[in-house]
Protein backbone atom coordinates (compact mmCIF):
# COMPACT_ATOMS: atom_id res chain seq x y z
CA UNK A 1 4.65 38.01 -3.78
CA UNK A 2 3.20 41.09 -1.98
CA UNK A 3 6.48 43.03 -2.41
CA UNK A 4 6.51 42.26 -6.14
CA UNK A 5 2.90 43.44 -6.49
CA UNK A 6 3.70 46.74 -4.66
CA UNK A 7 6.72 47.33 -6.88
CA UNK A 8 4.67 46.71 -10.01
CA UNK A 9 1.99 49.17 -8.83
CA UNK A 10 4.72 51.68 -7.98
CA UNK A 11 6.27 51.44 -11.44
CA UNK A 12 2.88 51.82 -13.12
CA UNK A 13 2.12 54.99 -11.13
CA UNK A 14 5.63 56.27 -11.86
CA UNK A 15 5.08 55.77 -15.60
CA UNK A 16 1.79 57.72 -15.51
CA UNK A 17 3.40 60.55 -13.52
CA UNK A 18 6.46 60.68 -15.80
CA UNK A 19 4.18 60.91 -18.83
CA UNK A 20 2.26 63.71 -17.09
CA UNK A 21 5.52 65.56 -16.33
CA UNK A 22 6.57 65.45 -19.94
CA UNK A 23 3.10 66.67 -20.88
CA UNK A 24 3.84 69.72 -18.66
CA UNK A 25 7.22 70.00 -20.39
CA UNK A 26 5.48 70.06 -23.77
CA UNK A 27 3.04 72.69 -22.51
CA UNK A 28 5.82 74.98 -21.28
CA UNK A 29 7.80 74.44 -24.47
CA UNK A 30 4.78 75.88 -26.18
CA UNK A 31 5.01 78.91 -23.91
CA UNK A 32 8.70 79.18 -24.82
CA UNK A 33 7.86 78.85 -28.49
CA UNK A 34 5.37 81.71 -28.24
CA UNK A 35 7.83 83.66 -26.04
CA UNK A 36 5.48 83.89 -23.12
CA UNK A 37 7.54 84.54 -19.96
CA UNK A 38 10.49 83.10 -21.86
CA UNK A 39 13.06 82.88 -19.05
CA UNK A 40 10.68 81.49 -16.43
CA UNK A 41 9.31 78.87 -18.80
CA UNK A 42 12.81 77.83 -19.86
CA UNK A 43 13.67 77.35 -16.16
CA UNK A 44 10.42 75.38 -15.68
CA UNK A 45 11.15 73.21 -18.75
CA UNK A 46 14.62 72.47 -17.39
CA UNK A 47 13.26 71.62 -13.92
CA UNK A 48 10.51 69.39 -15.28
CA UNK A 49 12.91 67.70 -17.70
CA UNK A 50 15.36 67.01 -14.87
CA UNK A 51 12.57 65.61 -12.71
CA UNK A 52 11.27 63.45 -15.60
CA UNK A 53 14.72 62.27 -16.69
CA UNK A 54 15.81 61.32 -13.17
CA UNK A 55 12.49 59.54 -12.66
CA UNK A 56 12.92 57.55 -15.88
CA UNK A 57 16.40 56.42 -14.80
CA UNK A 58 15.30 55.46 -11.28
CA UNK A 59 12.13 53.73 -12.48
CA UNK A 60 14.06 51.18 -14.53
CA UNK A 61 15.03 49.16 -11.44
CA UNK A 62 12.82 47.78 -8.68
CA UNK A 63 15.47 48.76 -6.17
CA UNK A 64 15.36 52.49 -7.03
CA UNK A 65 11.82 52.96 -8.34
CA UNK A 66 10.65 53.81 -4.82
CA UNK A 67 12.68 57.04 -4.90
CA UNK A 68 10.72 58.35 -7.87
CA UNK A 69 7.68 59.25 -5.78
CA UNK A 70 9.75 61.47 -3.50
CA UNK A 71 11.63 63.13 -6.35
CA UNK A 72 8.48 63.77 -8.39
CA UNK A 73 6.30 65.16 -5.58
CA UNK A 74 9.02 67.28 -3.96
CA UNK A 75 10.20 68.41 -7.40
CA UNK A 76 6.69 69.54 -8.35
CA UNK A 77 6.34 71.37 -5.02
CA UNK A 78 9.62 73.14 -5.74
CA UNK A 79 8.36 73.76 -9.27
CA UNK A 80 5.52 75.79 -7.72
CA UNK A 81 8.05 78.32 -6.34
CA UNK A 82 8.93 79.38 -9.89
CA UNK A 83 5.63 81.27 -10.14
CA UNK A 84 6.75 83.80 -7.44
CA UNK A 85 3.15 84.49 -6.47
CA UNK A 86 0.67 82.49 -4.44
CA UNK A 87 -1.92 82.34 -7.16
CA UNK A 88 -4.50 79.80 -8.20
CA UNK A 89 -1.82 78.23 -10.40
CA UNK A 90 0.42 77.70 -7.38
CA UNK A 91 -2.45 76.11 -5.50
CA UNK A 92 -3.27 73.80 -8.40
CA UNK A 93 0.37 72.74 -8.72
CA UNK A 94 0.39 71.93 -4.96
CA UNK A 95 -2.89 70.05 -5.37
CA UNK A 96 -1.42 68.14 -8.34
CA UNK A 97 1.59 67.21 -6.18
CA UNK A 98 -0.72 66.03 -3.39
CA UNK A 99 -2.90 64.06 -5.87
CA UNK A 100 0.23 62.44 -7.28
CA UNK A 101 1.23 61.47 -3.72
CA UNK A 102 -2.22 59.98 -3.20
CA UNK A 103 -1.91 57.84 -6.32
CA UNK A 104 0.60 55.60 -4.51
CA UNK A 105 -2.02 54.59 -1.87
CA UNK A 106 0.65 54.79 0.84
CA UNK A 107 -0.78 56.47 3.95
CA UNK A 108 2.53 57.07 5.71
CA UNK A 109 4.13 58.43 2.58
CA UNK A 110 1.12 60.68 1.97
CA UNK A 111 1.29 62.13 5.49
CA UNK A 112 4.95 62.95 4.90
CA UNK A 113 4.04 64.68 1.67
CA UNK A 114 1.24 66.60 3.46
CA UNK A 115 3.78 67.94 5.93
CA UNK A 116 6.20 68.74 3.12
CA UNK A 117 3.42 70.50 1.17
CA UNK A 118 2.54 72.74 4.10
CA UNK A 119 6.22 73.53 4.59
CA UNK A 120 6.57 74.43 0.93
CA UNK A 121 3.43 76.60 1.13
CA UNK A 122 4.92 78.48 4.07
CA UNK A 123 8.23 78.86 2.23
CA UNK A 124 6.43 80.16 -0.86
CA UNK A 125 4.48 82.65 1.27
CA UNK A 126 7.65 83.86 2.96
CA UNK A 127 9.75 84.25 -0.17
CA UNK A 128 6.99 85.90 -2.23
CA UNK A 129 6.91 89.68 -2.45
CA UNK A 130 3.13 89.82 -2.06
CA UNK A 131 2.19 88.78 1.42
CA UNK A 132 -1.60 88.44 1.70
CA UNK A 133 -1.87 86.20 4.77
CA UNK A 134 -5.66 85.94 4.65
CA UNK A 135 -5.54 84.66 1.11
CA UNK A 136 -2.67 82.39 2.12
CA UNK A 137 -4.58 80.93 5.04
CA UNK A 138 -7.64 80.33 2.87
CA UNK A 139 -5.50 78.62 0.26
CA UNK A 140 -3.70 76.52 2.85
CA UNK A 141 -7.02 75.57 4.41
CA UNK A 142 -8.44 74.56 1.05
CA UNK A 143 -5.34 72.61 0.15
CA UNK A 144 -5.30 70.84 3.54
CA UNK A 145 -8.98 69.94 3.18
CA UNK A 146 -8.15 68.43 -0.17
CA UNK A 147 -5.15 66.69 1.46
CA UNK A 148 -7.34 65.27 4.23
CA UNK A 149 -9.89 64.02 1.71
CA UNK A 150 -7.16 62.46 -0.40
CA UNK A 151 -5.65 61.02 2.82
CA UNK A 152 -8.96 59.31 3.58
CA UNK A 153 -9.20 58.08 0.03
CA UNK A 154 -5.59 56.88 0.25
CA UNK A 155 -6.21 55.13 3.55
CA UNK A 156 -9.41 53.46 2.44
CA UNK A 157 -8.01 52.61 -0.95
CA UNK A 158 -4.91 51.17 0.71
CA UNK A 159 -7.04 49.04 3.00
CA UNK A 160 -9.16 47.97 0.05
CA UNK A 161 -6.05 47.21 -2.00
CA UNK A 162 -4.52 45.27 0.93
CA UNK A 163 -7.72 43.31 1.29
CA UNK A 164 -7.92 42.75 -2.45
CA UNK A 165 -4.25 41.79 -2.47
CA UNK A 166 -4.82 39.28 0.33
CA UNK A 167 -7.86 37.87 -1.43
CA UNK A 168 -5.89 37.73 -4.67
CA UNK A 169 -3.09 35.98 -2.82
CA UNK A 170 -5.59 33.55 -1.33
CA UNK A 171 -7.12 33.08 -4.78
CA UNK A 172 -3.69 32.46 -6.26
CA UNK A 173 -2.90 30.02 -3.44
CA UNK A 174 -6.27 28.31 -3.89
CA UNK A 175 -5.76 28.27 -7.66
CA UNK A 176 -2.31 26.80 -7.15
CA UNK A 177 -3.76 24.15 -4.87
CA UNK A 178 -6.50 23.45 -7.40
CA UNK A 179 -3.90 23.21 -10.15
CA UNK A 180 -1.84 20.86 -7.98
CA UNK A 181 -4.98 18.89 -7.23
CA UNK A 182 -5.87 18.72 -10.91
CA UNK A 183 -2.29 17.68 -11.71
CA UNK A 184 -2.51 15.02 -9.00
CA UNK A 185 -5.88 13.91 -10.38
CA UNK A 186 -4.38 13.76 -13.87
CA UNK A 187 -1.38 11.79 -12.61
CA UNK A 188 -3.71 9.62 -10.52
CA UNK A 189 -5.96 8.93 -13.49
CA UNK A 190 -2.91 8.02 -15.58
CA UNK A 191 -1.74 5.64 -12.85
CA UNK A 192 -5.30 4.37 -12.39
CA UNK A 193 -5.60 3.70 -16.12
CA UNK A 194 -2.26 1.90 -16.01
CA UNK A 195 -3.39 -0.18 -13.03
CA UNK A 196 -6.73 -0.86 -14.73
CA UNK A 197 -5.00 -1.99 -17.93
CA UNK A 198 -2.62 -4.17 -15.92
CA UNK A 199 -5.47 -5.55 -13.79
CA UNK A 200 -7.55 -6.19 -16.91
CA UNK A 201 -4.66 -8.13 -18.43
CA UNK A 202 -4.19 -10.10 -15.22
CA UNK A 203 -7.93 -10.80 -15.04
CA UNK A 204 -7.95 -11.98 -18.64
CA UNK A 205 -5.04 -14.30 -17.81
CA UNK A 206 -6.81 -15.53 -14.66
CA UNK A 207 -10.04 -15.98 -16.64
CA UNK A 208 -8.24 -18.04 -19.29
CA UNK A 209 -6.50 -20.12 -16.61
CA UNK A 210 -9.82 -20.52 -14.79
CA UNK A 211 -11.45 -21.66 -18.05
CA UNK A 212 -8.63 -24.16 -18.62
CA UNK A 213 -8.89 -25.28 -15.00
CA UNK A 214 -12.65 -25.74 -15.40
CA UNK A 215 -12.09 -27.92 -18.48
CA UNK A 216 -9.43 -29.93 -16.65
CA UNK A 217 -11.69 -30.39 -13.64
CA UNK A 218 -14.51 -31.55 -15.92
CA UNK A 219 -12.16 -34.12 -17.49
CA UNK A 220 -10.99 -35.22 -14.04
CA UNK A 221 -14.61 -35.44 -12.86
CA UNK A 222 -15.46 -37.61 -15.89
CA UNK A 223 -12.45 -39.82 -15.16
CA UNK A 224 -13.34 -40.12 -11.49
CA UNK A 225 -16.92 -41.06 -12.33
CA UNK A 226 -15.65 -43.64 -14.82
CA UNK A 227 -13.19 -44.91 -12.23
CA UNK A 228 -15.96 -45.17 -9.65
CA UNK A 229 -18.09 -47.18 -12.10
CA UNK A 230 -15.19 -49.53 -12.87
CA UNK A 231 -14.43 -49.99 -9.17
CA UNK A 232 -18.11 -50.75 -8.52
CA UNK A 233 -18.04 -53.42 -11.25
CA UNK A 234 -14.84 -54.86 -9.80
CA UNK A 235 -16.45 -54.88 -6.39
CA UNK A 236 -19.48 -56.75 -7.76
CA UNK A 237 -17.22 -59.31 -9.43
CA UNK A 238 -15.20 -59.73 -6.25
CA UNK A 239 -18.42 -60.32 -4.33
CA UNK A 240 -19.34 -63.02 -6.86
CA UNK A 241 -15.90 -64.59 -6.55
CA UNK A 242 -16.16 -64.47 -2.78
CA UNK A 243 -19.45 -66.33 -2.98
CA UNK A 244 -17.89 -69.04 -5.16
CA UNK A 245 -14.93 -69.35 -2.81
CA UNK A 246 -17.33 -69.71 0.10
CA UNK A 247 -19.12 -72.53 -1.74
CA UNK A 248 -15.80 -74.21 -2.53
CA UNK A 249 -14.83 -73.89 1.11
CA UNK A 250 -18.09 -75.54 2.17
CA UNK A 251 -17.51 -78.42 -0.32
CA UNK A 252 -13.96 -78.81 1.00
CA UNK A 253 -15.30 -79.12 4.53
CA UNK A 254 -17.65 -81.87 3.38
CA UNK A 255 -14.76 -83.56 1.57
CA UNK A 256 -12.76 -83.62 4.79
CA UNK A 257 -15.67 -85.23 6.61
CA UNK A 258 -16.13 -87.82 3.84
CA UNK A 259 -12.39 -88.47 3.84
CA UNK A 260 -12.41 -89.15 7.55
CA UNK A 261 -15.39 -91.49 7.21
CA UNK A 262 -13.72 -93.28 4.32
CA UNK A 263 -10.55 -93.64 6.34
CA UNK A 264 -12.55 -95.28 9.14
CA UNK A 265 -14.16 -97.64 6.61
CA UNK A 266 -10.74 -98.52 5.22
CA UNK A 267 -9.47 -99.28 8.68
CA UNK A 268 -12.39 -101.63 9.24
CA UNK A 269 -11.74 -103.17 5.85
CA UNK A 270 -8.10 -103.77 6.75
CA UNK A 271 -9.21 -105.62 9.81
CA UNK A 272 -11.53 -107.75 7.74
CA UNK A 273 -8.94 -108.35 5.05
CA UNK A 274 -6.45 -109.61 7.59
CA UNK A 275 -8.64 -112.66 7.87
CA UNK A 276 -8.36 -113.19 4.13
CA UNK A 277 -4.57 -112.95 4.13
CA UNK A 278 -4.09 -116.34 2.44
CA UNK A 279 -6.16 -115.30 -0.62
CA UNK A 280 -4.14 -112.15 -1.53
CA UNK A 281 -1.13 -113.74 -3.31
CA UNK A 282 -2.37 -113.43 -6.87
CA UNK A 283 -3.45 -109.79 -6.31
CA UNK A 284 0.11 -108.66 -5.43
CA UNK A 285 1.18 -108.25 -9.05
CA UNK A 286 -1.92 -106.18 -9.83
CA UNK A 287 -1.37 -104.15 -6.70
CA UNK A 288 2.20 -103.41 -7.80
CA UNK A 289 0.97 -102.22 -11.17
CA UNK A 290 -1.70 -100.19 -9.38
CA UNK A 291 0.99 -98.59 -7.26
CA UNK A 292 2.96 -97.77 -10.42
CA UNK A 293 -0.11 -96.23 -12.02
CA UNK A 294 -0.84 -94.26 -8.90
CA UNK A 295 2.75 -92.98 -8.88
CA UNK A 296 2.34 -91.89 -12.52
CA UNK A 297 -0.90 -90.27 -11.48
CA UNK A 298 0.91 -88.39 -8.69
CA UNK A 299 3.56 -87.27 -11.19
CA UNK A 300 0.81 -85.93 -13.49
CA UNK A 301 -0.83 -84.08 -10.61
CA UNK A 302 2.54 -82.56 -9.77
CA UNK A 303 2.70 -81.12 -13.29
CA UNK A 304 -0.75 -79.68 -12.71
CA UNK A 305 0.57 -77.97 -9.58
CA UNK A 306 3.27 -76.20 -11.66
CA UNK A 307 0.60 -74.39 -13.73
CA UNK A 308 -1.38 -73.06 -10.78
CA UNK A 309 -0.70 -70.29 -8.27
CA UNK A 310 -2.86 -69.25 -5.36
CA UNK A 311 -6.37 -70.45 -6.14
CA UNK A 312 -5.16 -72.59 -9.08
CA UNK A 313 -2.77 -74.51 -6.77
CA UNK A 314 -5.60 -75.17 -4.38
CA UNK A 315 -7.86 -76.32 -7.23
CA UNK A 316 -5.12 -78.62 -8.58
CA UNK A 317 -4.55 -80.20 -5.20
CA UNK A 318 -8.28 -80.63 -4.77
CA UNK A 319 -8.54 -82.27 -8.22
CA UNK A 320 -5.60 -84.58 -7.44
CA UNK A 321 -7.13 -85.58 -4.15
CA UNK A 322 -10.48 -86.15 -5.86
CA UNK A 323 -8.87 -88.41 -8.47
CA UNK A 324 -6.99 -90.36 -5.80
CA UNK A 325 -10.21 -90.69 -3.87
CA UNK A 326 -11.98 -91.98 -7.00
CA UNK A 327 -9.27 -94.56 -7.54
CA UNK A 328 -9.36 -95.74 -3.97
CA UNK A 329 -13.14 -95.69 -3.97
CA UNK A 330 -13.19 -97.81 -7.09
CA UNK A 331 -10.74 -100.12 -5.48
CA UNK A 332 -12.90 -100.26 -2.38
CA UNK A 333 -15.86 -101.39 -4.44
CA UNK A 334 -19.33 -100.90 -3.06
CA UNK A 335 -17.96 -99.45 0.16
CA UNK A 336 -16.37 -96.57 -1.72
CA UNK A 337 -19.29 -95.56 -3.96
CA UNK A 338 -20.47 -92.78 -1.64
CA UNK A 339 -16.98 -91.40 -1.36
CA UNK A 340 -16.57 -91.57 -5.16
CA UNK A 341 -19.65 -89.37 -5.59
CA UNK A 342 -18.25 -86.77 -3.15
CA UNK A 343 -14.84 -86.90 -4.82
CA UNK A 344 -16.41 -86.35 -8.22
CA UNK A 345 -18.25 -83.25 -6.87
CA UNK A 346 -14.99 -81.90 -5.49
CA UNK A 347 -13.32 -82.46 -8.87
CA UNK A 348 -16.11 -80.63 -10.65
CA UNK A 349 -15.88 -77.66 -8.27
CA UNK A 350 -12.12 -77.56 -8.73
CA UNK A 351 -12.53 -77.54 -12.51
CA UNK A 352 -15.04 -74.63 -12.29
CA UNK A 353 -12.73 -72.49 -10.10
CA UNK A 354 -9.70 -73.09 -12.31
CA UNK A 355 -8.90 -70.07 -14.68
CA UNK A 356 -6.64 -72.21 -16.84
CA UNK A 357 -9.11 -74.90 -17.83
CA UNK A 358 -7.27 -75.86 -20.99
CA UNK A 359 -4.03 -76.90 -19.25
CA UNK A 360 -5.94 -78.64 -16.48
CA UNK A 361 -8.03 -80.50 -19.07
CA UNK A 362 -4.86 -81.89 -20.66
CA UNK A 363 -3.54 -83.11 -17.32
CA UNK A 364 -6.95 -84.57 -16.44
CA UNK A 365 -6.99 -86.51 -19.71
CA UNK A 366 -3.62 -88.01 -18.84
CA UNK A 367 -4.91 -88.80 -15.38
CA UNK A 368 -7.99 -90.47 -16.90
CA UNK A 369 -5.77 -92.74 -19.01
CA UNK A 370 -3.74 -93.71 -16.00
CA UNK A 371 -6.92 -94.19 -13.98
CA UNK A 372 -8.31 -96.51 -16.67
CA UNK A 373 -5.20 -98.65 -16.53
CA UNK A 374 -5.40 -98.76 -12.77
CA UNK A 375 -9.10 -99.67 -12.89
CA UNK A 376 -8.37 -102.47 -15.37
CA UNK A 377 -5.70 -103.87 -13.12
CA UNK A 378 -7.99 -103.59 -10.12
CA UNK A 379 -10.70 -105.49 -12.01
CA UNK A 380 -8.19 -108.18 -12.79
CA UNK A 381 -7.41 -108.31 -9.12
CA UNK A 382 -11.13 -108.69 -8.33
CA UNK A 383 -11.46 -111.57 -10.84
CA UNK A 384 -8.42 -113.28 -9.51
CA UNK A 385 -9.51 -112.75 -5.87
CA UNK A 386 -12.49 -114.99 -6.56
CA UNK A 387 -10.15 -117.84 -7.45
CA UNK A 388 -8.49 -118.28 -4.14
CA UNK A 389 -7.51 -117.26 -0.74
CA UNK A 390 -4.08 -116.23 -1.95
CA UNK A 391 -5.52 -112.91 -3.15
CA UNK A 392 -6.41 -111.97 0.44
CA UNK A 393 -2.84 -111.22 1.35
CA UNK A 394 -2.43 -108.88 -1.62
CA UNK A 395 -5.74 -107.20 -0.82
CA UNK A 396 -4.59 -106.82 2.76
CA UNK A 397 -1.43 -104.99 1.65
CA UNK A 398 -3.43 -102.93 -0.80
CA UNK A 399 -5.88 -101.87 1.91
CA UNK A 400 -3.01 -100.90 4.14
CA UNK A 401 -1.64 -98.76 1.36
CA UNK A 402 -5.14 -97.45 0.78
CA UNK A 403 -5.35 -96.59 4.45
CA UNK A 404 -2.13 -94.62 4.17
CA UNK A 405 -3.43 -92.97 1.01
CA UNK A 406 -6.64 -91.93 2.74
CA UNK A 407 -4.66 -90.56 5.63
CA UNK A 408 -2.59 -88.56 3.15
CA UNK A 409 -5.77 -87.48 1.37
CA UNK A 410 -7.22 -86.41 4.68
CA UNK A 411 -4.07 -84.41 5.44
CA UNK A 412 -4.12 -82.84 1.98
CA UNK A 413 -7.78 -82.00 2.27
CA UNK A 414 -7.20 -80.36 5.63
CA UNK A 415 -4.35 -78.36 4.11
CA UNK A 416 -6.55 -77.49 1.15
CA UNK A 417 -9.32 -76.46 3.51
CA UNK A 418 -6.90 -74.20 5.37
CA UNK A 419 -5.77 -72.67 2.09
CA UNK A 420 -9.36 -72.13 1.05
CA UNK A 421 -10.01 -70.45 4.37
CA UNK A 422 -7.03 -68.12 3.85
CA UNK A 423 -8.17 -67.41 0.32
CA UNK A 424 -11.65 -66.63 1.59
CA UNK A 425 -10.22 -64.15 4.11
CA UNK A 426 -8.14 -62.55 1.36
CA UNK A 427 -11.23 -62.16 -0.80
CA UNK A 428 -13.08 -60.59 2.13
CA UNK A 429 -10.24 -58.10 2.62
CA UNK A 430 -10.16 -57.35 -1.10
CA UNK A 431 -13.91 -56.75 -1.12
CA UNK A 432 -13.60 -54.42 1.88
CA UNK A 433 -10.76 -52.51 0.20
CA UNK A 434 -12.62 -52.18 -3.09
CA UNK A 435 -15.69 -50.98 -1.19
CA UNK A 436 -13.57 -48.39 0.60
CA UNK A 437 -11.98 -47.30 -2.69
CA UNK A 438 -15.43 -47.05 -4.25
CA UNK A 439 -16.64 -44.84 -1.39
CA UNK A 440 -13.52 -42.66 -1.65
CA UNK A 441 -14.04 -42.35 -5.41
CA UNK A 442 -17.62 -41.22 -4.82
CA UNK A 443 -16.41 -38.66 -2.26
CA UNK A 444 -13.74 -37.45 -4.70
CA UNK A 445 -16.38 -37.19 -7.41
CA UNK A 446 -18.58 -35.08 -5.13
CA UNK A 447 -15.61 -32.90 -4.13
CA UNK A 448 -14.61 -32.39 -7.75
CA UNK A 449 -18.17 -31.43 -8.68
CA UNK A 450 -18.18 -28.92 -5.82
CA UNK A 451 -14.78 -27.60 -6.94
CA UNK A 452 -16.12 -27.33 -10.48
CA UNK A 453 -19.09 -25.32 -9.26
CA UNK A 454 -16.78 -23.02 -7.26
CA UNK A 455 -14.51 -22.58 -10.30
CA UNK A 456 -17.44 -21.70 -12.55
CA UNK A 457 -18.72 -19.24 -9.93
CA UNK A 458 -15.22 -17.75 -9.74
CA UNK A 459 -15.18 -17.34 -13.52
CA UNK A 460 -18.48 -15.44 -13.33
CA UNK A 461 -17.09 -13.19 -10.59
CA UNK A 462 -13.93 -12.55 -12.61
CA UNK A 463 -16.09 -11.55 -15.57
CA UNK A 464 -18.02 -9.15 -13.31
CA UNK A 465 -14.79 -7.64 -11.96
CA UNK A 466 -13.49 -7.24 -15.52
CA UNK A 467 -16.68 -5.40 -16.49
CA UNK A 468 -16.36 -3.18 -13.39
CA UNK A 469 -12.76 -2.36 -14.33
CA UNK A 470 -13.89 -1.39 -17.82
CA UNK A 471 -16.49 0.96 -16.30
CA UNK A 472 -13.84 2.43 -13.98
CA UNK A 473 -11.53 2.93 -16.96
CA UNK A 474 -14.38 4.71 -18.80
CA UNK A 475 -15.11 6.97 -15.80
CA UNK A 476 -11.38 7.64 -15.40
CA UNK A 477 -11.19 8.76 -19.05
CA UNK A 478 -14.15 11.09 -18.54
CA UNK A 479 -12.53 12.49 -15.37
CA UNK A 480 -9.30 13.10 -17.29
CA UNK A 481 -11.21 14.98 -20.00
CA UNK A 482 -12.82 17.18 -17.33
CA UNK A 483 -9.40 17.86 -15.79
CA UNK A 484 -7.91 18.76 -19.17
CA UNK A 485 -10.73 21.26 -19.74
């Protein structure tokens, strides 16, 4: 860059000097035109034209333009010889040559030209006819003073130009860096705007998804709350069912106790009836019919068992046992009245716990018909038993069968009690599970509400970020406008 600047300065100075040379050519052509020293001026025009022409040719290229300053200055010094006398004109021509040398602001070159000028002055003084050495020395002294002054100017100007050139180079470098920085800022703002647009689009997408997620969470929260309410209701109903099962279990326990007491009474009755064995003959037929009715009754209770599962099966068995107990109690007469009351309570509790009351009602109606027939036959047996001792034997057999029936009832009641106990435990487990589920639902509801709050807070933050990005995009646009200026 510094070499190019020097060459440009050199060519500019060369152009000025070449123009000045041709101005001298024009001046001497005027002398020729007016025939003033015609031969000398023709020689001078030729010399100046040669110097100017060669300078024009050399100045066209940067490689040869540096030779122009030597050709011009030395040529002008030689041009001074054509005056043949060391006059004021010769001195001025030498001064012009020295001034031209100083225009290049090259100290070393100027010193060379100073030496060459003094040599040419000596040559001129030697070759001239008039040899006034005092005048020569005065002229040389004056010219050298001018040379020294121009040398100082050249030196200082060169230093100033070098300094200015360095500062210009630094300014150009700084300007280039600033331009690069501005270009980078412009590219950065373009990228930043692209990132902002992309981020804004992503934030809008996230905001929409967050809004949808918030709506979904609200729906889930509503569903969880509804689920929790339903589970709480189920839990309350299960608690009520557990209470009823507990009551049924307590009644079943009492039924077992009554059954055992009744069995003891029957055993005592069998012992007493053994003494009346001779009076039981007539009762045998009625007992047989009673057995048939009881078998029909058992068949009906079996049909009831087919309709029930779980709790229903237990209720059916309890009902069957209660009906059997009623029959036997009726057969036992006054001794069985207390047991009949307990059996009737058991039957009522079984009917209340049965979820299929319609089907059970049908079976119970059939059982009632059979029971009526059995009761009629038993009454016949009681009437006949008054007529003789032959009925005792039949009563004895009947009481033995009744004893077996009570033993079976006792076994069935114990089995029913065990089933009721299992069912009670199942209800307790179900209640515990529903309570746990209810608690979990409440925890889920609280978690969902917390998640909903976080989601809504996130949506607000996303909106704030979006607004910040819009502000950044605005500032980026303003920065780009400043860069473009």
